[in-house]
N, C-alpha and C. Protein backbone atom coordinates (compact mmCIF):
# COMPACT_ATOMS: atom_id res chain seq x y z
N UNK A 1 0.84 -1.19 0.00
CA UNK A 1 0.00 0.00 0.00
C UNK A 1 0.88 1.24 0.00
N UNK A 2 0.68 2.12 -0.92
CA UNK A 2 1.52 3.32 -1.06
C UNK A 2 1.21 4.31 0.04
N UNK A 3 2.29 5.02 0.51
CA UNK A 3 2.13 6.04 1.55
C UNK A 3 1.47 7.26 0.94
N UNK A 4 0.70 7.94 1.76
CA UNK A 4 0.10 9.19 1.27
C UNK A 4 1.18 10.19 0.93
N UNK A 5 0.88 11.02 -0.05
CA UNK A 5 1.86 12.02 -0.48
C UNK A 5 2.20 12.99 0.65
N UNK A 6 1.20 13.30 1.49
CA UNK A 6 1.45 14.26 2.56
C UNK A 6 2.47 13.70 3.55
N UNK A 7 2.38 12.38 3.82
CA UNK A 7 3.31 11.76 4.76
C UNK A 7 4.73 11.78 4.21
N UNK A 8 4.87 11.48 2.92
CA UNK A 8 6.19 11.50 2.27
C UNK A 8 6.76 12.90 2.29
N UNK A 9 5.89 13.88 2.04
CA UNK A 9 6.35 15.27 2.01
C UNK A 9 6.81 15.72 3.40
N UNK A 10 6.06 15.27 4.43
CA UNK A 10 6.44 15.63 5.79
C UNK A 10 7.80 15.04 6.16
N UNK A 11 8.00 13.77 5.80
CA UNK A 11 9.29 13.13 6.09
C UNK A 11 10.43 13.84 5.37
N UNK A 12 10.15 14.22 4.11
CA UNK A 12 11.16 14.93 3.34
C UNK A 12 11.49 16.26 3.98
N UNK A 13 10.47 16.93 4.46
CA UNK A 13 10.69 18.23 5.12
C UNK A 13 11.50 18.06 6.41
N UNK A 14 11.20 16.96 7.13
CA UNK A 14 11.94 16.70 8.37
C UNK A 14 13.42 16.46 8.09
N UNK A 15 13.70 15.69 7.04
CA UNK A 15 15.09 15.42 6.66
C UNK A 15 15.80 16.71 6.30
N UNK A 16 15.10 17.54 5.52
CA UNK A 16 15.70 18.82 5.13
C UNK A 16 15.93 19.71 6.34
N UNK A 17 14.98 19.66 7.27
CA UNK A 17 15.14 20.45 8.49
C UNK A 17 16.36 19.98 9.29
N UNK A 18 16.52 18.67 9.39
CA UNK A 18 17.66 18.12 10.12
C UNK A 18 18.98 18.53 9.47
N UNK A 19 19.00 18.44 8.13
CA UNK A 19 20.21 18.84 7.41
C UNK A 19 20.50 20.32 7.63
N UNK A 20 19.42 21.12 7.58
CA UNK A 20 19.58 22.56 7.77
C UNK A 20 20.14 22.88 9.15
N UNK A 21 19.52 22.27 10.18
CA UNK A 21 19.97 22.55 11.54
C UNK A 21 21.36 21.98 11.81
N UNK A 22 21.67 20.85 11.20
CA UNK A 22 23.02 20.29 11.36
C UNK A 22 24.06 21.21 10.74
N UNK A 23 23.75 21.70 9.53
CA UNK A 23 24.67 22.63 8.87
C UNK A 23 24.80 23.92 9.67
N UNK A 24 23.67 24.38 10.18
CA UNK A 24 23.69 25.61 10.98
C UNK A 24 24.51 25.41 12.26
N UNK A 25 24.38 24.20 12.84
CA UNK A 25 25.15 23.91 14.05
C UNK A 25 26.64 23.89 13.78
N UNK A 26 27.02 23.30 12.63
CA UNK A 26 28.44 23.27 12.27
C UNK A 26 28.97 24.68 12.06
N UNK A 27 28.19 25.49 11.36
CA UNK A 27 28.60 26.88 11.12
C UNK A 27 28.73 27.62 12.44
N UNK A 28 27.80 27.36 13.36
CA UNK A 28 27.83 28.02 14.66
C UNK A 28 29.08 27.62 15.44
N UNK A 29 29.39 26.32 15.41
CA UNK A 29 30.58 25.83 16.13
C UNK A 29 31.85 26.45 15.57
N UNK A 30 31.94 26.46 14.23
CA UNK A 30 33.12 27.05 13.59
C UNK A 30 33.23 28.53 13.93
N UNK A 31 32.10 29.21 13.87
CA UNK A 31 32.09 30.64 14.18
C UNK A 31 32.50 30.89 15.62
N UNK A 32 32.01 30.00 16.51
CA UNK A 32 32.35 30.15 17.93
C UNK A 32 33.84 29.96 18.15
N UNK A 33 34.40 28.96 17.50
CA UNK A 33 35.84 28.71 17.62
C UNK A 33 36.64 29.90 17.13
N UNK A 34 36.21 30.44 15.99
CA UNK A 34 36.91 31.60 15.43
C UNK A 34 36.80 32.80 16.35
N UNK A 35 35.59 33.00 16.90
CA UNK A 35 35.38 34.15 17.78
C UNK A 35 36.18 33.99 19.07
N UNK A 36 36.22 32.76 19.60
CA UNK A 36 36.92 32.54 20.87
C UNK A 36 38.42 32.67 20.68
N UNK A 37 38.95 32.01 19.64
CA UNK A 37 40.40 32.04 19.45
C UNK A 37 40.84 33.32 18.76
N UNK A 38 40.09 33.71 17.74
CA UNK A 38 40.39 34.94 17.01
C UNK A 38 41.84 35.01 16.55
N UNK A 39 42.40 33.90 16.19
CA UNK A 39 43.81 33.93 15.78
C UNK A 39 44.06 32.87 14.73
N UNK A 40 44.84 33.25 13.77
CA UNK A 40 45.30 32.33 12.74
C UNK A 40 46.79 32.57 12.59
N UNK A 41 47.58 31.75 13.25
CA UNK A 41 49.02 31.97 13.26
C UNK A 41 49.72 30.98 12.36
N UNK A 42 50.69 31.47 11.64
CA UNK A 42 51.55 30.61 10.83
C UNK A 42 52.98 30.94 11.17
N UNK A 43 53.81 29.92 11.24
CA UNK A 43 55.20 30.10 11.64
C UNK A 43 56.10 29.99 10.42
N UNK A 44 56.95 30.99 10.26
CA UNK A 44 57.90 31.01 9.15
C UNK A 44 59.30 30.99 9.74
N UNK A 45 60.00 29.88 9.55
CA UNK A 45 61.35 29.76 10.06
C UNK A 45 62.34 30.30 9.04
N UNK A 46 63.08 31.32 9.45
CA UNK A 46 64.07 31.92 8.56
C UNK A 46 65.39 32.01 9.30
N UNK A 47 66.27 31.03 9.10
CA UNK A 47 67.52 31.02 9.84
C UNK A 47 67.24 30.85 11.32
N UNK A 48 67.64 31.86 12.11
CA UNK A 48 67.41 31.84 13.54
C UNK A 48 66.21 32.69 13.93
N UNK A 49 65.29 32.90 13.04
CA UNK A 49 64.13 33.76 13.31
C UNK A 49 62.83 32.97 13.16
N UNK A 50 61.85 33.34 13.98
CA UNK A 50 60.51 32.78 13.90
C UNK A 50 59.54 33.93 13.73
N UNK A 51 58.79 33.93 12.63
CA UNK A 51 57.81 34.98 12.36
C UNK A 51 56.42 34.38 12.47
N UNK A 52 55.61 34.92 13.36
CA UNK A 52 54.26 34.42 13.57
C UNK A 52 53.26 35.49 13.14
N UNK A 53 52.46 35.16 12.14
CA UNK A 53 51.48 36.11 11.63
C UNK A 53 50.15 35.94 12.36
N UNK A 54 49.51 37.05 12.62
CA UNK A 54 48.23 37.06 13.33
C UNK A 54 47.20 37.69 12.41
N UNK A 55 46.22 36.91 12.00
CA UNK A 55 45.19 37.46 11.11
C UNK A 55 44.17 38.29 11.89
N UNK A 56 43.80 37.79 13.07
CA UNK A 56 42.83 38.54 13.88
C UNK A 56 42.88 38.03 15.31
N UNK A 57 42.79 38.97 16.25
CA UNK A 57 42.72 38.59 17.66
C UNK A 57 41.96 39.68 18.41
N UNK A 58 41.06 39.26 19.26
CA UNK A 58 40.20 40.22 19.96
C UNK A 58 40.92 40.83 21.15
N UNK A 59 40.47 42.00 21.55
CA UNK A 59 41.04 42.69 22.71
C UNK A 59 40.71 41.93 23.98
N UNK A 60 41.69 41.85 24.87
CA UNK A 60 41.49 41.17 26.14
C UNK A 60 41.77 39.69 26.11
N UNK A 61 41.93 39.12 24.92
CA UNK A 61 42.21 37.70 24.82
C UNK A 61 43.65 37.38 25.12
N UNK A 62 43.91 36.17 25.61
CA UNK A 62 45.26 35.72 25.93
C UNK A 62 45.76 34.82 24.80
N UNK A 63 46.89 35.20 24.23
CA UNK A 63 47.40 34.50 23.05
C UNK A 63 48.71 33.79 23.39
N UNK A 64 48.78 32.49 23.11
CA UNK A 64 49.96 31.67 23.36
C UNK A 64 50.76 31.52 22.07
N UNK A 65 52.05 31.82 22.13
CA UNK A 65 52.91 31.74 20.95
C UNK A 65 54.15 30.91 21.26
N UNK A 66 54.42 29.91 20.44
CA UNK A 66 55.65 29.14 20.57
C UNK A 66 56.76 29.85 19.82
N UNK A 67 57.77 30.28 20.55
CA UNK A 67 58.88 31.00 19.93
C UNK A 67 60.05 30.07 19.62
N UNK A 68 60.41 29.22 20.57
CA UNK A 68 61.47 28.21 20.38
C UNK A 68 62.74 28.81 19.77
N UNK A 69 63.21 29.87 20.38
CA UNK A 69 64.40 30.55 19.88
C UNK A 69 65.32 30.91 21.04
N UNK A 70 66.56 30.42 20.98
CA UNK A 70 67.56 30.82 21.97
C UNK A 70 67.21 30.51 23.40
N UNK A 71 66.42 29.47 23.61
CA UNK A 71 66.04 29.10 24.97
C UNK A 71 64.71 29.67 25.41
N UNK A 72 64.16 30.64 24.66
CA UNK A 72 62.82 31.14 24.96
C UNK A 72 61.82 30.24 24.25
N UNK A 73 61.17 29.39 25.01
CA UNK A 73 60.30 28.36 24.44
C UNK A 73 58.98 28.93 23.95
N UNK A 74 58.35 29.77 24.77
CA UNK A 74 57.07 30.35 24.38
C UNK A 74 56.79 31.60 25.18
N UNK A 75 55.84 32.39 24.67
CA UNK A 75 55.37 33.57 25.38
C UNK A 75 53.84 33.59 25.32
N UNK A 76 53.25 34.23 26.30
CA UNK A 76 51.80 34.42 26.32
C UNK A 76 51.51 35.90 26.50
N UNK A 77 50.78 36.47 25.55
CA UNK A 77 50.52 37.91 25.58
C UNK A 77 49.01 38.17 25.59
N UNK A 78 48.64 39.34 26.07
CA UNK A 78 47.25 39.81 25.98
C UNK A 78 47.26 41.17 25.30
N UNK A 79 46.21 41.43 24.54
CA UNK A 79 46.13 42.68 23.77
C UNK A 79 45.10 43.62 24.39
N UNK A 80 45.44 44.91 24.39
CA UNK A 80 44.49 45.90 24.90
C UNK A 80 43.61 46.47 23.80
N UNK A 81 43.88 46.07 22.55
CA UNK A 81 43.06 46.48 21.42
C UNK A 81 42.91 45.30 20.46
N UNK A 82 41.94 45.40 19.60
CA UNK A 82 41.75 44.40 18.55
C UNK A 82 42.94 44.43 17.60
N UNK A 83 43.41 43.24 17.21
CA UNK A 83 44.58 43.13 16.34
C UNK A 83 44.19 42.45 15.04
N UNK A 84 44.62 43.03 13.93
CA UNK A 84 44.36 42.44 12.61
C UNK A 84 45.63 42.48 11.76
N UNK A 85 45.85 41.39 11.03
CA UNK A 85 46.92 41.31 10.03
C UNK A 85 48.24 41.87 10.56
N UNK A 86 48.76 41.20 11.58
CA UNK A 86 50.01 41.65 12.17
C UNK A 86 50.94 40.46 12.37
N UNK A 87 52.06 40.70 13.03
CA UNK A 87 53.01 39.62 13.26
C UNK A 87 53.86 39.92 14.49
N UNK A 88 54.46 38.86 15.02
CA UNK A 88 55.44 38.94 16.10
C UNK A 88 56.66 38.15 15.65
N UNK A 89 57.82 38.80 15.73
CA UNK A 89 59.05 38.19 15.23
C UNK A 89 60.01 37.90 16.38
N UNK A 90 60.53 36.68 16.40
CA UNK A 90 61.52 36.27 17.40
C UNK A 90 62.79 35.85 16.67
N UNK A 91 63.93 36.41 17.09
CA UNK A 91 65.18 36.12 16.38
C UNK A 91 66.38 36.15 17.32
N UNK A 92 67.37 35.34 16.99
CA UNK A 92 68.65 35.38 17.69
C UNK A 92 69.43 36.60 17.20
N UNK A 93 70.11 37.27 18.11
CA UNK A 93 70.92 38.43 17.75
C UNK A 93 72.31 38.28 18.34
N UNK A 94 73.27 38.97 17.70
CA UNK A 94 74.65 38.92 18.18
C UNK A 94 74.90 39.89 19.32
N UNK A 95 74.13 40.95 19.36
CA UNK A 95 74.34 41.97 20.39
C UNK A 95 73.03 42.69 20.69
N UNK A 96 73.03 43.39 21.81
CA UNK A 96 71.86 44.18 22.21
C UNK A 96 72.30 45.62 22.41
N UNK A 97 71.34 46.50 22.54
CA UNK A 97 71.63 47.93 22.62
C UNK A 97 71.94 48.40 24.04
N UNK A 98 71.91 47.50 25.00
CA UNK A 98 72.21 47.87 26.39
C UNK A 98 73.35 47.01 26.92
N UNK A 99 74.05 47.54 27.92
CA UNK A 99 75.24 46.89 28.46
C UNK A 99 74.86 45.76 29.42
N UNK A 100 75.59 44.66 29.28
CA UNK A 100 75.38 43.53 30.18
C UNK A 100 76.73 43.02 30.64
N UNK A 101 76.91 42.95 31.94
CA UNK A 101 78.17 42.48 32.52
C UNK A 101 77.93 41.11 33.15
N UNK A 102 78.32 40.07 32.43
CA UNK A 102 78.11 38.73 32.95
C UNK A 102 78.29 37.68 31.87
N UNK A 103 77.91 36.46 32.20
CA UNK A 103 78.00 35.35 31.26
C UNK A 103 76.68 35.20 30.52
N UNK A 104 76.77 34.95 29.22
CA UNK A 104 75.58 34.94 28.37
C UNK A 104 75.33 33.53 27.81
N UNK A 105 74.08 33.09 27.93
CA UNK A 105 73.66 31.86 27.27
C UNK A 105 73.13 32.16 25.88
N UNK A 106 72.29 33.18 25.76
CA UNK A 106 71.74 33.56 24.46
C UNK A 106 71.23 34.99 24.50
N UNK A 107 71.12 35.58 23.30
CA UNK A 107 70.54 36.91 23.12
C UNK A 107 69.42 36.80 22.09
N UNK A 108 68.23 37.23 22.48
CA UNK A 108 67.05 37.06 21.64
C UNK A 108 66.28 38.38 21.58
N UNK A 109 65.83 38.72 20.38
CA UNK A 109 65.01 39.92 20.21
C UNK A 109 63.60 39.51 19.78
N UNK A 110 62.60 39.98 20.52
CA UNK A 110 61.20 39.74 20.17
C UNK A 110 60.57 41.09 19.88
N UNK A 111 60.07 41.26 18.66
CA UNK A 111 59.55 42.57 18.25
C UNK A 111 58.23 42.41 17.51
N UNK A 112 57.49 43.52 17.44
CA UNK A 112 56.22 43.53 16.72
C UNK A 112 55.83 44.97 16.42
N UNK A 113 55.10 45.14 15.33
CA UNK A 113 54.62 46.48 14.98
C UNK A 113 53.44 46.89 15.86
N UNK A 114 52.96 45.96 16.67
CA UNK A 114 51.81 46.25 17.54
C UNK A 114 52.21 46.16 19.01
N UNK A 115 53.45 46.49 19.32
CA UNK A 115 53.92 46.42 20.70
C UNK A 115 53.08 47.29 21.64
N UNK A 116 52.59 48.42 21.12
CA UNK A 116 51.79 49.31 21.96
C UNK A 116 50.42 48.72 22.30
N UNK A 117 50.03 47.66 21.59
CA UNK A 117 48.75 47.02 21.87
C UNK A 117 48.89 45.81 22.79
N UNK A 118 50.12 45.53 23.20
CA UNK A 118 50.38 44.38 24.07
C UNK A 118 50.48 44.86 25.51
N UNK A 119 49.71 44.25 26.38
CA UNK A 119 49.71 44.64 27.79
C UNK A 119 50.99 44.20 28.49
N UNK A 120 51.28 44.85 29.62
CA UNK A 120 52.38 44.40 30.46
C UNK A 120 52.03 43.04 31.06
N UNK A 121 53.07 42.34 31.52
CA UNK A 121 52.83 41.03 32.11
C UNK A 121 52.87 39.91 31.10
N UNK A 122 53.89 39.93 30.23
CA UNK A 122 54.06 38.88 29.22
C UNK A 122 54.67 37.65 29.90
N UNK A 123 53.98 36.54 29.83
CA UNK A 123 54.48 35.31 30.45
C UNK A 123 55.51 34.66 29.52
N UNK A 124 56.66 34.31 30.09
CA UNK A 124 57.75 33.74 29.29
C UNK A 124 58.16 32.40 29.89
N UNK A 125 58.31 31.40 29.03
CA UNK A 125 58.82 30.09 29.44
C UNK A 125 60.18 29.86 28.79
N UNK A 126 61.16 29.48 29.61
CA UNK A 126 62.49 29.15 29.10
C UNK A 126 62.66 27.63 29.08
N UNK A 127 63.28 27.14 28.02
CA UNK A 127 63.63 25.73 27.92
C UNK A 127 65.09 25.67 27.46
N UNK A 128 65.97 25.25 28.38
CA UNK A 128 67.40 25.33 28.13
C UNK A 128 68.02 23.95 28.27
N UNK A 129 68.83 23.59 27.29
CA UNK A 129 69.55 22.31 27.38
C UNK A 129 70.62 22.44 28.48
N UNK A 130 70.57 21.53 29.44
CA UNK A 130 71.44 21.64 30.61
C UNK A 130 72.92 21.60 30.23
N UNK A 131 73.31 20.74 29.32
CA UNK A 131 74.72 20.64 28.91
C UNK A 131 75.20 21.94 28.27
N UNK A 132 74.35 22.54 27.44
CA UNK A 132 74.72 23.82 26.81
C UNK A 132 74.87 24.92 27.85
N UNK A 133 74.04 24.86 28.86
CA UNK A 133 74.12 25.86 29.93
C UNK A 133 75.43 25.75 30.69
N UNK A 134 75.82 24.53 31.01
CA UNK A 134 77.07 24.32 31.74
C UNK A 134 78.27 24.74 30.90
N UNK A 135 78.20 24.51 29.59
CA UNK A 135 79.28 24.94 28.71
C UNK A 135 79.42 26.46 28.68
N UNK A 136 78.33 27.14 28.98
CA UNK A 136 78.37 28.61 29.03
C UNK A 136 78.90 29.12 30.36
N UNK A 137 79.20 28.19 31.27
CA UNK A 137 79.71 28.58 32.58
C UNK A 137 78.64 29.06 33.53
N UNK A 138 77.40 28.62 33.30
CA UNK A 138 76.28 29.06 34.13
C UNK A 138 75.65 27.83 34.78
N UNK A 139 75.42 27.89 36.07
CA UNK A 139 74.80 26.77 36.78
C UNK A 139 73.28 26.94 36.79
N UNK A 140 72.61 25.88 37.18
CA UNK A 140 71.14 25.87 37.16
C UNK A 140 70.54 27.00 38.00
N UNK A 141 71.12 27.25 39.15
CA UNK A 141 70.56 28.25 40.05
C UNK A 141 70.91 29.68 39.71
N UNK A 142 71.79 29.88 38.73
CA UNK A 142 72.23 31.24 38.37
C UNK A 142 71.51 31.81 37.15
N UNK A 143 70.63 31.03 36.54
CA UNK A 143 69.96 31.49 35.32
C UNK A 143 69.00 32.64 35.63
N UNK A 144 69.15 33.72 34.86
CA UNK A 144 68.26 34.87 34.98
C UNK A 144 67.89 35.35 33.57
N UNK A 145 66.68 35.89 33.46
CA UNK A 145 66.23 36.48 32.20
C UNK A 145 66.24 37.99 32.35
N UNK A 146 66.83 38.67 31.36
CA UNK A 146 66.91 40.13 31.35
C UNK A 146 66.21 40.65 30.10
N UNK A 147 65.55 41.79 30.22
CA UNK A 147 64.92 42.42 29.06
C UNK A 147 65.19 43.92 29.12
N UNK A 148 65.77 44.42 28.04
CA UNK A 148 66.03 45.86 27.92
C UNK A 148 66.78 46.42 29.13
N UNK A 149 67.72 45.62 29.65
CA UNK A 149 68.53 46.06 30.78
C UNK A 149 67.94 45.79 32.14
N UNK A 150 66.76 45.22 32.20
CA UNK A 150 66.08 44.97 33.48
C UNK A 150 66.12 43.48 33.81
N UNK A 151 66.54 43.17 35.04
CA UNK A 151 66.57 41.77 35.47
C UNK A 151 65.19 41.35 35.94
N UNK A 152 64.73 40.20 35.43
CA UNK A 152 63.40 39.70 35.78
C UNK A 152 63.51 38.58 36.81
N UNK A 153 62.49 38.46 37.63
CA UNK A 153 62.42 37.33 38.56
C UNK A 153 62.25 36.06 37.73
N UNK A 154 63.26 35.20 37.80
CA UNK A 154 63.28 33.98 36.99
C UNK A 154 63.19 32.78 37.91
N UNK A 155 62.11 32.02 37.79
CA UNK A 155 61.83 30.93 38.72
C UNK A 155 62.05 29.59 38.03
N UNK A 156 62.87 28.74 38.66
CA UNK A 156 63.08 27.40 38.13
C UNK A 156 61.79 26.60 38.26
N UNK A 157 61.40 25.93 37.17
CA UNK A 157 60.14 25.18 37.16
C UNK A 157 60.37 23.69 37.30
N UNK A 158 61.16 23.12 36.38
CA UNK A 158 61.39 21.67 36.43
C UNK A 158 62.59 21.30 35.55
N UNK A 159 63.02 20.06 35.72
CA UNK A 159 64.07 19.48 34.88
C UNK A 159 63.50 18.22 34.25
N UNK A 160 63.61 18.14 32.91
CA UNK A 160 63.02 16.99 32.21
C UNK A 160 63.81 16.68 30.95
N UNK A 161 64.21 15.43 30.82
CA UNK A 161 64.87 14.93 29.60
C UNK A 161 66.07 15.79 29.20
N UNK A 162 66.85 16.21 30.17
CA UNK A 162 68.06 16.98 29.88
C UNK A 162 67.83 18.46 29.67
N UNK A 163 66.61 18.91 29.87
CA UNK A 163 66.28 20.33 29.71
C UNK A 163 65.84 20.92 31.05
N UNK A 164 66.15 22.20 31.21
CA UNK A 164 65.74 22.95 32.39
C UNK A 164 64.67 23.95 31.98
N UNK A 165 63.62 24.03 32.77
CA UNK A 165 62.50 24.93 32.46
C UNK A 165 62.41 26.02 33.53
N UNK A 166 62.18 27.25 33.05
CA UNK A 166 62.06 28.40 33.95
C UNK A 166 60.84 29.23 33.54
N UNK A 167 60.33 29.98 34.51
CA UNK A 167 59.21 30.89 34.26
C UNK A 167 59.62 32.31 34.63
N UNK A 168 59.13 33.28 33.84
CA UNK A 168 59.37 34.69 34.14
C UNK A 168 58.23 35.51 33.55
N UNK A 169 58.11 36.74 34.02
CA UNK A 169 57.10 37.66 33.51
C UNK A 169 57.81 38.94 33.08
N UNK A 170 57.61 39.31 31.82
CA UNK A 170 58.28 40.49 31.26
C UNK A 170 57.29 41.64 31.10
N UNK A 171 57.73 42.88 31.35
CA UNK A 171 56.83 44.03 31.17
C UNK A 171 56.58 44.36 29.70
N UNK A 172 57.44 43.85 28.80
CA UNK A 172 57.30 44.22 27.39
C UNK A 172 58.09 43.26 26.51
N UNK A 173 57.93 43.44 25.20
CA UNK A 173 58.81 42.78 24.26
C UNK A 173 60.12 43.55 24.23
N UNK A 174 61.09 43.06 23.47
CA UNK A 174 62.35 43.79 23.40
C UNK A 174 63.54 42.86 23.24
N UNK A 175 64.67 43.30 23.78
CA UNK A 175 65.93 42.56 23.68
C UNK A 175 66.15 41.76 24.97
N UNK A 176 66.19 40.45 24.81
CA UNK A 176 66.30 39.55 25.96
C UNK A 176 67.70 38.94 26.02
N UNK A 177 68.16 38.71 27.24
CA UNK A 177 69.39 37.95 27.47
C UNK A 177 69.11 36.90 28.54
N UNK A 178 69.48 35.66 28.23
CA UNK A 178 69.49 34.61 29.23
C UNK A 178 70.93 34.48 29.69
N UNK A 179 71.17 34.67 30.97
CA UNK A 179 72.55 34.62 31.43
C UNK A 179 72.68 34.74 32.93
N UNK A 180 73.91 35.03 33.33
CA UNK A 180 74.25 35.19 34.74
C UNK A 180 74.92 36.53 34.92
N UNK A 181 74.35 37.34 35.75
CA UNK A 181 74.90 38.67 36.00
C UNK A 181 76.08 38.56 36.97
N UNK A 182 77.16 39.28 36.66
CA UNK A 182 78.32 39.30 37.55
C UNK A 182 78.00 40.16 38.76
N UNK A 183 78.33 39.62 39.92
CA UNK A 183 78.10 40.37 41.15
C UNK A 183 79.31 41.25 41.40
N UNK A 184 79.06 42.53 41.50
CA UNK A 184 80.15 43.47 41.73
C UNK A 184 80.65 43.34 43.16
N UNK A 185 82.00 43.24 43.27
CA UNK A 185 82.59 43.13 44.60
C UNK A 185 82.49 44.47 45.32
N UNK A 186 82.08 44.37 46.56
CA UNK A 186 81.96 45.58 47.37
C UNK A 186 83.27 45.80 48.10
N UNK A 187 83.87 46.93 47.88
CA UNK A 187 85.15 47.25 48.52
C UNK A 187 84.91 47.54 49.99
N UNK A 188 85.62 46.76 50.83
CA UNK A 188 85.47 46.92 52.27
C UNK A 188 86.43 48.00 52.74
N UNK A 189 85.91 49.02 53.34
CA UNK A 189 86.72 50.11 53.85
C UNK A 189 86.77 50.00 55.36
N UNK A 190 88.00 49.80 55.89
CA UNK A 190 88.16 49.70 57.34
C UNK A 190 88.00 51.08 57.96
N UNK A 191 87.16 51.13 58.96
CA UNK A 191 86.95 52.40 59.66
C UNK A 191 88.17 52.73 60.50
N UNK A 192 88.75 53.87 60.26
CA UNK A 192 89.92 54.32 61.01
C UNK A 192 89.43 55.11 62.21
N UNK A 193 89.76 54.57 63.40
CA UNK A 193 89.36 55.25 64.64
C UNK A 193 90.44 56.25 65.00
N UNK A 194 90.13 57.51 65.01
CA UNK A 194 91.16 58.51 65.34
C UNK A 194 91.60 58.40 66.80
N UNK A 195 92.91 58.54 67.01
CA UNK A 195 93.44 58.49 68.36
C UNK A 195 93.02 59.74 69.12
N UNK A 196 92.70 59.55 70.41
CA UNK A 196 92.30 60.73 71.20
C UNK A 196 93.44 61.73 71.32
N UNK A 197 93.10 62.97 71.19
CA UNK A 197 94.10 64.03 71.29
C UNK A 197 94.23 64.45 72.74
N UNK A 198 95.44 64.29 73.28
CA UNK A 198 95.71 64.67 74.67
C UNK A 198 96.20 66.10 74.69
N UNK A 199 95.50 66.93 75.40
CA UNK A 199 95.89 68.34 75.48
C UNK A 199 97.00 68.50 76.52
N UNK A 200 98.10 68.98 76.08
CA UNK A 200 99.26 69.17 76.95
C UNK A 200 99.17 70.54 77.61
N UNK A 201 99.15 70.50 78.92
CA UNK A 201 99.08 71.76 79.69
C UNK A 201 100.49 72.22 80.02
N UNK A 202 100.82 73.44 79.68
CA UNK A 202 102.14 74.00 79.96
C UNK A 202 102.23 74.37 81.43
N UNK A 203 103.01 73.54 82.18
CA UNK A 203 103.12 73.73 83.62
C UNK A 203 104.36 74.53 84.01
N UNK A 204 104.97 75.17 83.07
CA UNK A 204 106.16 75.95 83.40
C UNK A 204 105.79 77.11 84.33
N UNK A 205 106.67 77.36 85.31
CA UNK A 205 106.44 78.44 86.28
C UNK A 205 106.86 79.76 85.67
N UNK A 206 105.95 80.66 85.68
CA UNK A 206 106.24 81.98 85.13
C UNK A 206 106.73 82.87 86.26
N UNK A 207 107.95 83.26 86.14
CA UNK A 207 108.54 84.12 87.17
C UNK A 207 107.97 85.52 87.07
N UNK A 208 107.60 86.02 88.24
CA UNK A 208 107.06 87.37 88.28
C UNK A 208 108.17 88.39 88.12
N UNK A 209 107.91 89.25 87.26
CA UNK A 209 108.90 90.30 87.03
C UNK A 209 108.87 91.31 88.19
N UNK A 210 110.02 91.70 88.63
CA UNK A 210 110.13 92.72 89.68
C UNK A 210 109.93 94.07 89.05
N UNK A 211 109.03 94.77 89.61
CA UNK A 211 108.73 96.07 89.04
C UNK A 211 109.84 97.04 89.43
N UNK A 212 110.60 97.41 88.46
CA UNK A 212 111.73 98.29 88.71
C UNK A 212 111.28 99.67 89.11
N UNK A 213 110.06 100.03 88.68
CA UNK A 213 109.59 101.36 88.99
C UNK A 213 109.44 101.55 90.49
N UNK A 214 108.86 100.47 91.20
CA UNK A 214 108.66 100.58 92.64
C UNK A 214 109.99 100.62 93.37
N UNK A 215 110.94 99.74 92.97
CA UNK A 215 112.26 99.74 93.62
C UNK A 215 112.96 101.07 93.42
N UNK A 216 112.87 101.63 92.31
CA UNK A 216 113.53 102.92 92.02
C UNK A 216 112.92 104.06 92.81
N UNK A 217 111.62 103.99 93.11
CA UNK A 217 110.94 105.05 93.85
C UNK A 217 111.47 105.13 95.29
N UNK A 218 111.53 103.96 95.96
CA UNK A 218 112.01 103.96 97.34
C UNK A 218 113.50 104.29 97.43
N UNK A 219 114.24 103.87 96.45
CA UNK A 219 115.69 104.19 96.45
C UNK A 219 115.92 105.69 96.33
N UNK A 220 115.09 106.35 95.54
CA UNK A 220 115.24 107.80 95.37
C UNK A 220 114.90 108.55 96.65
N UNK A 221 113.91 108.04 97.40
CA UNK A 221 113.56 108.68 98.68
C UNK A 221 114.72 108.55 99.66
N UNK A 222 115.29 107.33 99.72
CA UNK A 222 116.44 107.11 100.63
C UNK A 222 117.59 108.02 100.28
N UNK A 223 117.83 108.16 99.04
CA UNK A 223 118.94 109.02 98.60
C UNK A 223 118.65 110.47 98.95
N UNK A 224 117.36 110.83 98.91
CA UNK A 224 116.99 112.22 99.23
C UNK A 224 117.33 112.54 100.69
N UNK A 225 116.94 111.61 101.60
CA UNK A 225 117.23 111.86 103.02
C UNK A 225 118.72 111.80 103.30
N UNK A 226 119.41 110.93 102.62
CA UNK A 226 120.86 110.87 102.80
C UNK A 226 121.50 112.19 102.43
N UNK A 227 120.94 112.81 101.43
CA UNK A 227 121.51 114.09 100.98
C UNK A 227 121.25 115.20 101.98
N UNK A 228 120.19 115.11 102.71
CA UNK A 228 119.87 116.14 103.69
C UNK A 228 120.84 116.09 104.87
N UNK A 229 121.22 114.93 105.27
CA UNK A 229 122.08 114.81 106.44
C UNK A 229 123.56 114.86 106.10
N UNK A 230 123.89 114.87 104.92
CA UNK A 230 125.31 114.96 104.53
C UNK A 230 125.75 116.41 104.48
């Protein structure tokens, strides 16, 4: 017995509705992922440089970037403004624009045309091969991260498979150095205690001078009377 046309049409409509809602759900999920992540990053390795392009990222979002350059494993940044079609570049450098007195493991520059849109408090993870660190003359407990001449609090996290992991927070992008700062020797100045000064009192006896005027006065009187009786 053939089904009524209305029943077939209803079933067909239901199938179409399911397909429609399924497609709409997929579009919604994809849109949600795009809205939540708001980032499309691609990594371009050029020698010792890593260039990460950002197609779009919303303000206030936290963005994780693998840098893997010179011991800086990754950074996490937040933006104070919406970001479109930009990039962040990480590269090894031979020198930095500020003076550093100490032993160096690596020098890394992280830069971007949107640095002004990046908030303070950039989370940095270091991953350093322990043998390479020792060859640099730096021990595990002496590792410090510096940025633009400022020493950052660098906390040892863990040791795994021959690598040492550290955590730090940087106020900005810029020129980084992983190394050990030389401690300046403090010159010890011995306090010189001055010897007490003893005041010498002059105890010499001062002889009183005989007043010749008085002696001469009485002598003249005596001579006067002698003259009267002579």
